[in-house]
Amino acid sequence: MSFQILGTGSYLPPKVVTNEDLTVFLDTSDEWIASRCGIRQRHVVTNETTSELATEAARRALENANTAPGEIDMVLCASVSGEYVSPLLACLVQRNLGLPATTRCLDVNAACTAWVYLMETAAAFFARGGIRKMLVIGAESMSRILNWHDRSTCVLFGDGAGAAVLAPGENYLASSFETQGGDDVIAVPTKKGISPWYDREEKLPLVHMNGQETYKFAVSNFPRRVKEALEKAGLEESDLDWVIPHQANERIIMGAARRMKGIPKDHFCVNIQKYGNTSAASIPIALDEWNRAGKFQRGELLCMVAFGGGLSSAACIVRW
């Protein structure tokens, strides 16, 4: 027993920041940003919290799945930019939706790879039994943890949330995971705090990223994870109908697409130009966008693939 996807939802905060808007305080240009990563604009929070983004995406997923909140037995969330370390993001969504105290709530922190980890975690809970329906949510307010004076990182990210409602089924077919542990390429430190004894020098609690090393890791690991997941499922590249990649960089996605010759390039779901890199929310936002556009047909095979902090990479195969 694994799961099936009953419905999807997403929510983007209304404030849109274009590349041109960034030129007011950054030494950059629309052409410089777009040519390097494919991004033209991003949505950013103004007075919204990450849990509010997550809750609205969840409400839309519940509606799309024709599911009442009371039918949800578990909430799984992923974020690196929630408003609290504790309580969990999942707990705040539970409260906002008015879910009963018996609802199991759990956060998974795997940075940009987290959505695929949520899929794997959900499959394990369904395999154990006792779950009727589950909400899985990726939500980020990345604009709150960026160094807006560092043009190499701040131009890349955006805010938003995506969600799905899952139920028992047999549509989660296979997965592949790899982690190369370290904090030298991508890191988001916590705050130092005010302990009178702690004297270690710490970095600012903002996104720190070596873009060149991240790019090399992603380009090599993207097709490798897809290939391994396909092998585990007994499938070929040509069997896939859609690839839903983490929206980190359009050049990374298209570079991987050129290596995966069995899949037409127009079957790679790409929306980074509108939203930027929304970390754990990027795959579910794209999933919802293509779902609501009616592009997925029942029975089609989808590959979700992600890469990011850890360094980690992951892919899974799901039947629609």
C-alpha atoms as a PDB file:
ATOM      1  CA  MET A   1       0.000   0.000   0.000  1.00  0.00           C
ATOM      2  CA  SER A   2       1.272   3.463  -0.896  1.00  0.00           C
ATOM      3  CA  PHE A   3      -0.901   6.396  -2.006  1.00  0.00           C
ATOM      4  CA  GLN A   4      -2.724   8.199  -4.764  1.00  0.00           C
ATOM      5  CA  ILE A   5      -3.019  11.967  -5.278  1.00  0.00           C
ATOM      6  CA  LEU A   6      -6.610  13.167  -4.937  1.00  0.00           C
ATOM      7  CA  GLY A   7      -6.088  16.892  -5.488  1.00  0.00           C
ATOM      8  CA  THR A   8      -3.628  19.777  -5.446  1.00  0.00           C
ATOM      9  CA  GLY A   9      -3.500  23.429  -4.423  1.00  0.00           C
ATOM     10  CA  SER A  10      -1.071  26.330  -4.379  1.00  0.00           C
ATOM     11  CA  TYR A  11      -0.881  29.905  -3.201  1.00  0.00           C
ATOM     12  CA  LEU A  12       1.453  32.777  -4.087  1.00  0.00           C
ATOM     13  CA  PRO A  13       1.516  36.018  -2.070  1.00  0.00           C
ATOM     14  CA  PRO A  14       0.118  38.887  -4.192  1.00  0.00           C
ATOM     15  CA  LYS A  15       3.255  41.073  -4.137  1.00  0.00           C
ATOM     16  CA  VAL A  16       5.248  40.566  -7.356  1.00  0.00           C
ATOM     17  CA  VAL A  17       8.856  41.737  -7.640  1.00  0.00           C
ATOM     18  CA  THR A  18      10.275  41.866 -11.159  1.00  0.00           C
ATOM     19  CA  ASN A  19      13.931  41.822 -12.128  1.00  0.00           C
ATOM     20  CA  GLU A  20      13.627  45.486 -12.982  1.00  0.00           C
ATOM     21  CA  ASP A  21      12.446  46.182  -9.429  1.00  0.00           C
ATOM     22  CA  LEU A  22      15.693  44.691  -8.124  1.00  0.00           C
ATOM     23  CA  THR A  23      17.834  47.069 -10.174  1.00  0.00           C
ATOM     24  CA  VAL A  24      16.760  49.903  -7.849  1.00  0.00           C
ATOM     25  CA  PHE A  25      19.076  48.614  -5.105  1.00  0.00           C
ATOM     26  CA  LEU A  26      21.214  45.930  -6.804  1.00  0.00           C
ATOM     27  CA  ASP A  27      23.913  46.147  -9.462  1.00  0.00           C
ATOM     28  CA  THR A  28      22.037  43.846 -11.828  1.00  0.00           C
ATOM     29  CA  SER A  29      19.677  43.811 -14.813  1.00  0.00           C
ATOM     30  CA  ASP A  30      16.749  41.852 -16.148  1.00  0.00           C
ATOM     31  CA  GLU A  31      18.977  40.427 -18.890  1.00  0.00           C
ATOM     32  CA  TRP A  32      21.699  39.388 -16.412  1.00  0.00           C
ATOM     33  CA  ILE A  33      19.249  37.508 -14.180  1.00  0.00           C
ATOM     34  CA  ALA A  34      17.134  35.946 -16.937  1.00  0.00           C
ATOM     35  CA  SER A  35      20.148  34.752 -18.945  1.00  0.00           C
ATOM     36  CA  ARG A  36      21.688  33.006 -15.939  1.00  0.00           C
ATOM     37  CA  CYS A  37      18.667  31.349 -14.355  1.00  0.00           C
ATOM     38  CA  GLY A  38      15.545  32.054 -16.431  1.00  0.00           C
ATOM     39  CA  ILE A  39      13.775  34.111 -13.757  1.00  0.00           C
ATOM     40  CA  ARG A  40      11.775  37.212 -14.725  1.00  0.00           C
ATOM     41  CA  GLN A  41       9.861  37.804 -11.489  1.00  0.00           C
ATOM     42  CA  ARG A  42       9.011  36.298  -8.118  1.00  0.00           C
ATOM     43  CA  HIS A  43       6.279  36.627  -5.468  1.00  0.00           C
ATOM     44  CA  VAL A  44       7.293  37.823  -1.989  1.00  0.00           C
ATOM     45  CA  VAL A  45       5.539  38.078   1.354  1.00  0.00           C
ATOM     46  CA  THR A  46       4.798  41.496   2.839  1.00  0.00           C
ATOM     47  CA  ASN A  47       2.753  40.747   5.954  1.00  0.00           C
ATOM     48  CA  GLU A  48       1.942  37.061   5.341  1.00  0.00           C
ATOM     49  CA  THR A  49       3.498  34.242   7.353  1.00  0.00           C
ATOM     50  CA  THR A  50       4.709  30.922   5.987  1.00  0.00           C
ATOM     51  CA  SER A  51       1.912  29.120   7.833  1.00  0.00           C
ATOM     52  CA  GLU A  52      -0.677  31.386   6.201  1.00  0.00           C
ATOM     53  CA  LEU A  53       0.708  30.537   2.746  1.00  0.00           C
ATOM     54  CA  ALA A  54       0.645  26.849   3.670  1.00  0.00           C
ATOM     55  CA  THR A  55      -2.905  27.019   4.991  1.00  0.00           C
ATOM     56  CA  GLU A  56      -4.290  28.690   1.870  1.00  0.00           C
ATOM     57  CA  ALA A  57      -2.565  26.164  -0.406  1.00  0.00           C
ATOM     58  CA  ALA A  58      -3.994  23.378   1.780  1.00  0.00           C
ATOM     59  CA  ARG A  59      -7.520  24.814   1.565  1.00  0.00           C
ATOM     60  CA  ARG A  60      -7.291  24.894  -2.214  1.00  0.00           C
ATOM     61  CA  ALA A  61      -5.987  21.322  -2.316  1.00  0.00           C
ATOM     62  CA  LEU A  62      -8.844  20.135  -0.095  1.00  0.00           C
ATOM     63  CA  GLU A  63     -11.353  21.816  -2.396  1.00  0.00           C
ATOM     64  CA  ASN A  64      -9.726  20.326  -5.491  1.00  0.00           C
ATOM     65  CA  ALA A  65      -9.797  16.880  -3.858  1.00  0.00           C
ATOM     66  CA  ASN A  66     -13.429  17.289  -2.736  1.00  0.00           C
ATOM     67  CA  THR A  67     -12.231  16.516   0.795  1.00  0.00           C
ATOM     68  CA  ALA A  68     -13.485  18.018   4.057  1.00  0.00           C
ATOM     69  CA  PRO A  69     -10.869  19.065   6.641  1.00  0.00           C
ATOM     70  CA  GLY A  70     -12.308  16.556   9.095  1.00  0.00           C
ATOM     71  CA  GLU A  71     -11.261  13.702   6.785  1.00  0.00           C
ATOM     72  CA  ILE A  72      -7.555  14.517   7.229  1.00  0.00           C
ATOM     73  CA  ASP A  73      -5.680  12.250   9.642  1.00  0.00           C
ATOM     74  CA  MET A  74      -2.192  13.656   9.131  1.00  0.00           C
ATOM     75  CA  VAL A  75      -0.423  16.851   8.028  1.00  0.00           C
ATOM     76  CA  LEU A  76       3.124  16.692   6.656  1.00  0.00           C
ATOM     77  CA  CYS A  77       4.912  19.998   5.984  1.00  0.00           C
ATOM     78  CA  ALA A  78       8.277  21.060   4.607  1.00  0.00           C
ATOM     79  CA  SER A  79       9.972  24.452   4.950  1.00  0.00           C
ATOM     80  CA  VAL A  80      13.275  26.113   5.803  1.00  0.00           C
ATOM     81  CA  SER A  81      11.618  29.496   6.355  1.00  0.00           C
ATOM     82  CA  GLY A  82       8.791  28.969   8.793  1.00  0.00           C
ATOM     83  CA  GLU A  83       8.064  31.601  11.420  1.00  0.00           C
ATOM     84  CA  TYR A  84       9.002  29.214  14.241  1.00  0.00           C
ATOM     85  CA  VAL A  85      11.335  26.340  15.014  1.00  0.00           C
ATOM     86  CA  SER A  86       8.527  25.243  17.326  1.00  0.00           C
ATOM     87  CA  PRO A  87       5.570  24.917  17.035  1.00  0.00           C
ATOM     88  CA  LEU A  88       5.829  22.972  13.805  1.00  0.00           C
ATOM     89  CA  LEU A  89       4.472  24.416  10.580  1.00  0.00           C
ATOM     90  CA  ALA A  90       2.173  21.383  10.399  1.00  0.00           C
ATOM     91  CA  CYS A  91       0.747  22.231  13.830  1.00  0.00           C
ATOM     92  CA  LEU A  92      -0.064  25.778  12.740  1.00  0.00           C
ATOM     93  CA  VAL A  93      -1.825  24.486   9.629  1.00  0.00           C
ATOM     94  CA  GLN A  94      -3.768  22.044  11.822  1.00  0.00           C
ATOM     95  CA  ARG A  95      -4.941  24.943  13.992  1.00  0.00           C
ATOM     96  CA  ASN A  96      -5.780  27.184  11.051  1.00  0.00           C
ATOM     97  CA  LEU A  97      -7.878  24.496   9.374  1.00  0.00           C
ATOM     98  CA  GLY A  98      -9.588  23.481  12.620  1.00  0.00           C
ATOM     99  CA  LEU A  99      -8.397  19.876  12.416  1.00  0.00           C
ATOM    100  CA  PRO A 100      -9.023  17.627  15.452  1.00  0.00           C
ATOM    101  CA  ALA A 101      -6.417  17.030  18.142  1.00  0.00           C
ATOM    102  CA  THR A 102      -6.016  13.453  16.894  1.00  0.00           C
ATOM    103  CA  THR A 103      -4.422  14.738  13.669  1.00  0.00           C
ATOM    104  CA  ARG A 104      -0.791  13.702  13.412  1.00  0.00           C
ATOM    105  CA  CYS A 105       1.486  16.636  12.554  1.00  0.00           C
ATOM    106  CA  LEU A 106       5.059  16.391  11.344  1.00  0.00           C
ATOM    107  CA  ASP A 107       7.590  18.686   9.641  1.00  0.00           C
ATOM    108  CA  VAL A 108      10.337  17.413   7.344  1.00  0.00           C
ATOM    109  CA  ASN A 109      13.340  19.654   6.756  1.00  0.00           C
ATOM    110  CA  ALA A 110      15.255  18.639   3.645  1.00  0.00           C
ATOM    111  CA  ALA A 111      15.569  22.088   2.019  1.00  0.00           C
ATOM    112  CA  CYS A 112      14.821  22.109  -1.720  1.00  0.00           C
ATOM    113  CA  THR A 113      14.643  18.295  -1.841  1.00  0.00           C
ATOM    114  CA  ALA A 114      11.964  18.169   0.834  1.00  0.00           C
ATOM    115  CA  TRP A 115       8.906  17.565  -1.382  1.00  0.00           C
ATOM    116  CA  VAL A 116      10.253  14.204  -2.542  1.00  0.00           C
ATOM    117  CA  TYR A 117      11.074  13.346   1.081  1.00  0.00           C
ATOM    118  CA  LEU A 118       7.452  14.178   1.942  1.00  0.00           C
ATOM    119  CA  MET A 119       6.303  11.729  -0.743  1.00  0.00           C
ATOM    120  CA  GLU A 120       8.506   8.977   0.673  1.00  0.00           C
ATOM    121  CA  THR A 121       7.426   9.717   4.257  1.00  0.00           C
ATOM    122  CA  ALA A 122       3.760   9.723   3.251  1.00  0.00           C
ATOM    123  CA  ALA A 123       4.165   6.369   1.512  1.00  0.00           C
ATOM    124  CA  ALA A 124       5.666   4.889   4.694  1.00  0.00           C
ATOM    125  CA  PHE A 125       2.770   6.100   6.856  1.00  0.00           C
ATOM    126  CA  PHE A 126       0.201   4.763   4.405  1.00  0.00           C
ATOM    127  CA  ALA A 127       2.031   1.422   4.260  1.00  0.00           C
ATOM    128  CA  ARG A 128       1.762   1.155   8.042  1.00  0.00           C
ATOM    129  CA  GLY A 129      -1.993   1.718   7.842  1.00  0.00           C
ATOM    130  CA  GLY A 130      -4.443   3.768   9.850  1.00  0.00           C
ATOM    131  CA  ILE A 131      -4.349   6.902   7.666  1.00  0.00           C
ATOM    132  CA  ARG A 132      -7.437   7.724   5.600  1.00  0.00           C
ATOM    133  CA  LYS A 133      -6.286  10.951   3.994  1.00  0.00           C
ATOM    134  CA  MET A 134      -3.214  13.149   4.383  1.00  0.00           C
ATOM    135  CA  LEU A 135      -2.246  16.730   3.586  1.00  0.00           C
ATOM    136  CA  VAL A 136       1.313  17.248   2.321  1.00  0.00           C
ATOM    137  CA  ILE A 137       2.530  20.842   2.019  1.00  0.00           C
ATOM    138  CA  GLY A 138       5.678  22.654   0.930  1.00  0.00           C
ATOM    139  CA  ALA A 139       5.704  26.331   1.959  1.00  0.00           C
ATOM    140  CA  GLU A 140       8.430  28.958   1.932  1.00  0.00           C
ATOM    141  CA  SER A 141       8.979  32.633   2.717  1.00  0.00           C
ATOM    142  CA  MET A 142      12.504  32.666   1.313  1.00  0.00           C
ATOM    143  CA  SER A 143      12.547  36.457   0.959  1.00  0.00           C
ATOM    144  CA  ARG A 144      12.761  36.707   4.762  1.00  0.00           C
ATOM    145  CA  ILE A 145      16.053  34.772   4.955  1.00  0.00           C
ATOM    146  CA  LEU A 146      17.930  36.271   1.989  1.00  0.00           C
ATOM    147  CA  ASN A 147      20.795  38.714   1.970  1.00  0.00           C
ATOM    148  CA  TRP A 148      19.293  41.351  -0.318  1.00  0.00           C
ATOM    149  CA  HIS A 149      22.741  42.894  -0.849  1.00  0.00           C
ATOM    150  CA  ASP A 150      24.100  39.664  -2.395  1.00  0.00           C
ATOM    151  CA  ARG A 151      22.954  39.581  -6.005  1.00  0.00           C
ATOM    152  CA  SER A 152      24.316  36.056  -6.531  1.00  0.00           C
ATOM    153  CA  THR A 153      21.632  34.591  -4.237  1.00  0.00           C
ATOM    154  CA  CYS A 154      18.807  37.039  -3.603  1.00  0.00           C
ATOM    155  CA  VAL A 155      17.708  37.202  -7.267  1.00  0.00           C
ATOM    156  CA  LEU A 156      17.073  33.457  -7.333  1.00  0.00           C
ATOM    157  CA  PHE A 157      14.370  32.898  -4.738  1.00  0.00           C
ATOM    158  CA  GLY A 158      10.674  33.540  -4.259  1.00  0.00           C
ATOM    159  CA  ASP A 159       7.858  32.768  -1.829  1.00  0.00           C
ATOM    160  CA  GLY A 160       4.844  30.496  -2.112  1.00  0.00           C
ATOM    161  CA  ALA A 161       3.213  27.239  -1.079  1.00  0.00           C
ATOM    162  CA  GLY A 162       1.955  24.079  -2.739  1.00  0.00           C
ATOM    163  CA  ALA A 163      -0.066  21.207  -1.329  1.00  0.00           C
ATOM    164  CA  ALA A 164      -1.633  17.871  -2.184  1.00  0.00           C
ATOM    165  CA  VAL A 165      -4.232  15.600  -0.624  1.00  0.00           C
ATOM    166  CA  LEU A 166      -3.243  11.940  -0.570  1.00  0.00           C
ATOM    167  CA  ALA A 167      -5.245   8.775   0.075  1.00  0.00           C
ATOM    168  CA  PRO A 168      -4.328   5.069   0.177  1.00  0.00           C
ATOM    169  CA  GLY A 169      -3.511   3.648  -3.235  1.00  0.00           C
ATOM    170  CA  GLU A 170      -0.807   2.035  -5.340  1.00  0.00           C
ATOM    171  CA  ASN A 171       0.424   5.003  -7.366  1.00  0.00           C
ATOM    172  CA  TYR A 172       3.755   5.746  -5.649  1.00  0.00           C
ATOM    173  CA  LEU A 173       5.998   3.456  -7.658  1.00  0.00           C
ATOM    174  CA  ALA A 174       9.668   4.061  -6.812  1.00  0.00           C
ATOM    175  CA  SER A 175      12.189   6.568  -5.491  1.00  0.00           C
ATOM    176  CA  SER A 176      15.888   7.376  -5.370  1.00  0.00           C
ATOM    177  CA  PHE A 177      17.787   9.406  -2.745  1.00  0.00           C
ATOM    178  CA  GLU A 178      21.362  10.543  -2.182  1.00  0.00           C
ATOM    179  CA  THR A 179      22.968  12.842   0.392  1.00  0.00           C
ATOM    180  CA  GLN A 180      26.501  14.251   0.410  1.00  0.00           C
ATOM    181  CA  GLY A 181      26.505  15.754   3.881  1.00  0.00           C
ATOM    182  CA  GLY A 182      28.083  19.156   4.401  1.00  0.00           C
ATOM    183  CA  ASP A 183      27.518  22.875   4.941  1.00  0.00           C
ATOM    184  CA  ASP A 184      30.179  24.265   2.626  1.00  0.00           C
ATOM    185  CA  VAL A 185      28.006  24.697  -0.511  1.00  0.00           C
ATOM    186  CA  ILE A 186      24.532  25.598   0.793  1.00  0.00           C
ATOM    187  CA  ALA A 187      23.695  26.607   4.362  1.00  0.00           C
ATOM    188  CA  VAL A 188      21.077  28.547   6.315  1.00  0.00           C
ATOM    189  CA  PRO A 189      22.482  29.024   9.845  1.00  0.00           C
ATOM    190  CA  THR A 190      20.289  29.511  12.888  1.00  0.00           C
ATOM    191  CA  LYS A 191      20.587  32.628  15.022  1.00  0.00           C
ATOM    192  CA  LYS A 192      23.457  32.745  17.479  1.00  0.00           C
ATOM    193  CA  GLY A 193      21.213  33.541  20.429  1.00  0.00           C
ATOM    194  CA  ILE A 194      22.239  35.314  23.627  1.00  0.00           C
ATOM    195  CA  SER A 195      24.000  32.606  25.625  1.00  0.00           C
ATOM    196  CA  PRO A 196      26.673  34.272  27.812  1.00  0.00           C
ATOM    197  CA  TRP A 197      28.958  31.232  27.292  1.00  0.00           C
ATOM    198  CA  TYR A 198      28.695  30.629  23.542  1.00  0.00           C
ATOM    199  CA  ASP A 199      31.527  32.486  21.793  1.00  0.00           C
ATOM    200  CA  ARG A 200      31.914  30.736  18.440  1.00  0.00           C
ATOM    201  CA  GLU A 201      31.715  33.100  15.469  1.00  0.00           C
ATOM    202  CA  GLU A 202      28.613  32.410  13.412  1.00  0.00           C
ATOM    203  CA  LYS A 203      27.378  33.411   9.970  1.00  0.00           C
ATOM    204  CA  LEU A 204      24.300  35.561   9.528  1.00  0.00           C
ATOM    205  CA  PRO A 205      21.074  33.478   9.639  1.00  0.00           C
ATOM    206  CA  LEU A 206      20.566  33.949   5.892  1.00  0.00           C
ATOM    207  CA  VAL A 207      20.976  31.788   2.790  1.00  0.00           C
ATOM    208  CA  HIS A 208      24.648  31.147   1.999  1.00  0.00           C
ATOM    209  CA  MET A 209      25.271  29.415  -1.328  1.00  0.00           C
ATOM    210  CA  ASN A 210      28.151  28.660  -3.670  1.00  0.00           C
ATOM    211  CA  GLY A 211      26.267  28.925  -6.929  1.00  0.00           C
ATOM    212  CA  GLN A 212      28.905  27.302  -9.131  1.00  0.00           C
ATOM    213  CA  GLU A 213      29.222  24.199  -6.941  1.00  0.00           C
ATOM    214  CA  THR A 214      25.427  23.973  -6.581  1.00  0.00           C
ATOM    215  CA  TYR A 215      25.068  24.088 -10.374  1.00  0.00           C
ATOM    216  CA  LYS A 216      27.617  21.292 -10.921  1.00  0.00           C
ATOM    217  CA  PHE A 217      25.990  19.110  -8.272  1.00  0.00           C
ATOM    218  CA  ALA A 218      22.496  19.599  -9.684  1.00  0.00           C
ATOM    219  CA  VAL A 219      23.379  19.001 -13.337  1.00  0.00           C
ATOM    220  CA  SER A 220      25.108  15.699 -12.572  1.00  0.00           C
ATOM    221  CA  ASN A 221      22.645  14.408  -9.965  1.00  0.00           C
ATOM    222  CA  PHE A 222      19.371  15.348 -11.682  1.00  0.00           C
ATOM    223  CA  PRO A 223      19.512  12.682 -14.453  1.00  0.00           C
ATOM    224  CA  ARG A 224      21.193  10.167 -12.131  1.00  0.00           C
ATOM    225  CA  ARG A 225      18.316  10.239  -9.639  1.00  0.00           C
ATOM    226  CA  VAL A 226      15.708   9.949 -12.397  1.00  0.00           C
ATOM    227  CA  LYS A 227      17.523   7.005 -13.970  1.00  0.00           C
ATOM    228  CA  GLU A 228      17.783   5.144 -10.656  1.00  0.00           C
ATOM    229  CA  ALA A 229      14.109   5.694  -9.806  1.00  0.00           C
ATOM    230  CA  LEU A 230      13.107   4.451 -13.255  1.00  0.00           C
ATOM    231  CA  GLU A 231      15.263   1.343 -12.864  1.00  0.00           C
ATOM    232  CA  LYS A 232      13.645   0.548  -9.522  1.00  0.00           C
ATOM    233  CA  ALA A 233      10.195   0.884 -11.114  1.00  0.00           C
ATOM    234  CA  GLY A 234      11.199  -1.261 -14.107  1.00  0.00           C
ATOM    235  CA  LEU A 235      10.621   1.653 -16.497  1.00  0.00           C
ATOM    236  CA  GLU A 236      12.448   3.487 -19.277  1.00  0.00           C
ATOM    237  CA  GLU A 237      12.750   7.222 -19.879  1.00  0.00           C
ATOM    238  CA  SER A 238      10.291   6.901 -22.749  1.00  0.00           C
ATOM    239  CA  ASP A 239       7.652   5.590 -20.313  1.00  0.00           C
ATOM    240  CA  LEU A 240       7.541   8.925 -18.491  1.00  0.00           C
ATOM    241  CA  ASP A 241       4.862  11.388 -19.501  1.00  0.00           C
ATOM    242  CA  TRP A 242       6.004  14.350 -17.377  1.00  0.00           C
ATOM    243  CA  VAL A 243       9.025  15.475 -15.369  1.00  0.00           C
ATOM    244  CA  ILE A 244       8.324  17.949 -12.559  1.00  0.00           C
ATOM    245  CA  PRO A 245      11.709  19.273 -11.447  1.00  0.00           C
ATOM    246  CA  HIS A 246      12.641  21.521  -8.563  1.00  0.00           C
ATOM    247  CA  GLN A 247      12.668  25.031 -10.024  1.00  0.00           C
ATOM    248  CA  ALA A 248      16.207  26.077  -9.115  1.00  0.00           C
ATOM    249  CA  ASN A 249      17.565  27.262 -12.438  1.00  0.00           C
ATOM    250  CA  GLU A 250      16.199  26.966 -15.974  1.00  0.00           C
ATOM    251  CA  ARG A 251      19.678  26.200 -17.300  1.00  0.00           C
ATOM    252  CA  ILE A 252      19.968  23.246 -14.908  1.00  0.00           C
ATOM    253  CA  ILE A 253      16.580  21.890 -15.971  1.00  0.00           C
ATOM    254  CA  MET A 254      17.261  22.255 -19.696  1.00  0.00           C
ATOM    255  CA  GLY A 255      20.762  20.844 -19.281  1.00  0.00           C
ATOM    256  CA  ALA A 256      19.299  17.740 -17.669  1.00  0.00           C
ATOM    257  CA  ALA A 257      16.585  17.568 -20.337  1.00  0.00           C
ATOM    258  CA  ARG A 258      19.243  17.401 -23.057  1.00  0.00           C
ATOM    259  CA  ARG A 259      20.768  14.378 -21.311  1.00  0.00           C
ATOM    260  CA  MET A 260      17.378  12.659 -20.966  1.00  0.00           C
ATOM    261  CA  LYS A 261      16.696  12.144 -24.656  1.00  0.00           C
ATOM    262  CA  GLY A 262      13.703   9.850 -24.135  1.00  0.00           C
ATOM    263  CA  ILE A 263      11.510  12.674 -22.787  1.00  0.00           C
ATOM    264  CA  PRO A 264      10.317  15.608 -24.931  1.00  0.00           C
ATOM    265  CA  LYS A 265      11.547  18.944 -23.593  1.00  0.00           C
ATOM    266  CA  ASP A 266       8.010  20.345 -23.543  1.00  0.00           C
ATOM    267  CA  HIS A 267       7.083  17.651 -21.017  1.00  0.00           C
ATOM    268  CA  PHE A 268       9.395  19.191 -18.421  1.00  0.00           C
ATOM    269  CA  CYS A 269       7.192  21.379 -16.220  1.00  0.00           C
ATOM    270  CA  VAL A 270       9.004  24.724 -15.970  1.00  0.00           C
ATOM    271  CA  ASN A 271       7.568  27.856 -14.324  1.00  0.00           C
ATOM    272  CA  ILE A 272      10.676  29.353 -12.698  1.00  0.00           C
ATOM    273  CA  GLN A 273      10.334  32.453 -14.890  1.00  0.00           C
ATOM    274  CA  LYS A 274       7.216  33.453 -12.899  1.00  0.00           C
ATOM    275  CA  TYR A 275       8.039  32.317  -9.379  1.00  0.00           C
ATOM    276  CA  GLY A 276      11.790  31.877  -8.945  1.00  0.00           C
ATOM    277  CA  ASN A 277      13.153  29.164  -6.672  1.00  0.00           C
ATOM    278  CA  THR A 278      10.551  28.533  -3.965  1.00  0.00           C
ATOM    279  CA  SER A 279      12.600  25.732  -2.376  1.00  0.00           C
ATOM    280  CA  ALA A 280      10.341  23.021  -0.869  1.00  0.00           C
ATOM    281  CA  ALA A 281       7.286  24.615  -2.502  1.00  0.00           C
ATOM    282  CA  SER A 282       8.507  24.608  -6.097  1.00  0.00           C
ATOM    283  CA  ILE A 283       7.457  21.086  -7.137  1.00  0.00           C
ATOM    284  CA  PRO A 284       3.941  21.197  -5.592  1.00  0.00           C
ATOM    285  CA  ILE A 285       3.333  24.661  -7.088  1.00  0.00           C
ATOM    286  CA  ALA A 286       4.214  23.307 -10.544  1.00  0.00           C
ATOM    287  CA  LEU A 287       2.194  20.146  -9.880  1.00  0.00           C
ATOM    288  CA  ASP A 288      -0.877  22.224  -9.095  1.00  0.00           C
ATOM    289  CA  GLU A 289      -0.390  24.560 -12.054  1.00  0.00           C
ATOM    290  CA  TRP A 290      -0.226  21.720 -14.571  1.00  0.00           C
ATOM    291  CA  ASN A 291      -3.050  19.847 -12.840  1.00  0.00           C
ATOM    292  CA  ARG A 292      -5.397  22.832 -13.000  1.00  0.00           C
ATOM    293  CA  ALA A 293      -4.464  23.396 -16.638  1.00  0.00           C
ATOM    294  CA  GLY A 294      -5.750  19.871 -17.330  1.00  0.00           C
ATOM    295  CA  LYS A 295      -2.427  18.667 -18.719  1.00  0.00           C
ATOM    296  CA  PHE A 296      -2.148  15.479 -16.650  1.00  0.00           C
ATOM    297  CA  GLN A 297      -4.232  12.530 -17.819  1.00  0.00           C
ATOM    298  CA  ARG A 298      -5.295   9.668 -15.580  1.00  0.00           C
ATOM    299  CA  GLY A 299      -2.714   6.892 -15.593  1.00  0.00           C
ATOM    300  CA  GLU A 300       0.169   9.040 -16.823  1.00  0.00           C
ATOM    301  CA  LEU A 301       3.576   8.656 -15.170  1.00  0.00           C
ATOM    302  CA  LEU A 302       5.125  11.669 -13.441  1.00  0.00           C
ATOM    303  CA  CYS A 303       8.692  11.973 -12.190  1.00  0.00           C
ATOM    304  CA  MET A 304       9.338  14.520  -9.442  1.00  0.00           C
ATOM    305  CA  VAL A 305      13.026  15.309  -9.030  1.00  0.00           C
ATOM    306  CA  ALA A 306      14.803  17.718  -6.696  1.00  0.00           C
ATOM    307  CA  PHE A 307      18.242  18.751  -5.507  1.00  0.00           C
ATOM    308  CA  GLY A 308      19.559  21.215  -2.971  1.00  0.00           C
ATOM    309  CA  GLY A 309      20.893  21.711   0.536  1.00  0.00           C
ATOM    310  CA  GLY A 310      22.456  18.758   2.224  1.00  0.00           C
ATOM    311  CA  LEU A 311      23.752  18.395  -0.437  1.00  0.00           C
ATOM    312  CA  SER A 312      20.871  16.139  -1.356  1.00  0.00           C
ATOM    313  CA  SER A 313      19.069  14.907  -4.428  1.00  0.00           C
ATOM    314  CA  ALA A 314      15.965  12.769  -4.845  1.00  0.00           C
ATOM    315  CA  ALA A 315      13.438  11.583  -7.403  1.00  0.00           C
ATOM    316  CA  CYS A 316      10.210   9.600  -7.302  1.00  0.00           C
ATOM    317  CA  ILE A 317       7.807   8.105  -9.848  1.00  0.00           C
ATOM    318  CA  VAL A 318       4.066   8.616  -9.331  1.00  0.00           C
ATOM    319  CA  ARG A 319       1.132   7.447 -11.437  1.00  0.00           C
ATOM    320  CA  TRP A 320      -1.473  10.176 -11.884  1.00  0.00           C
END
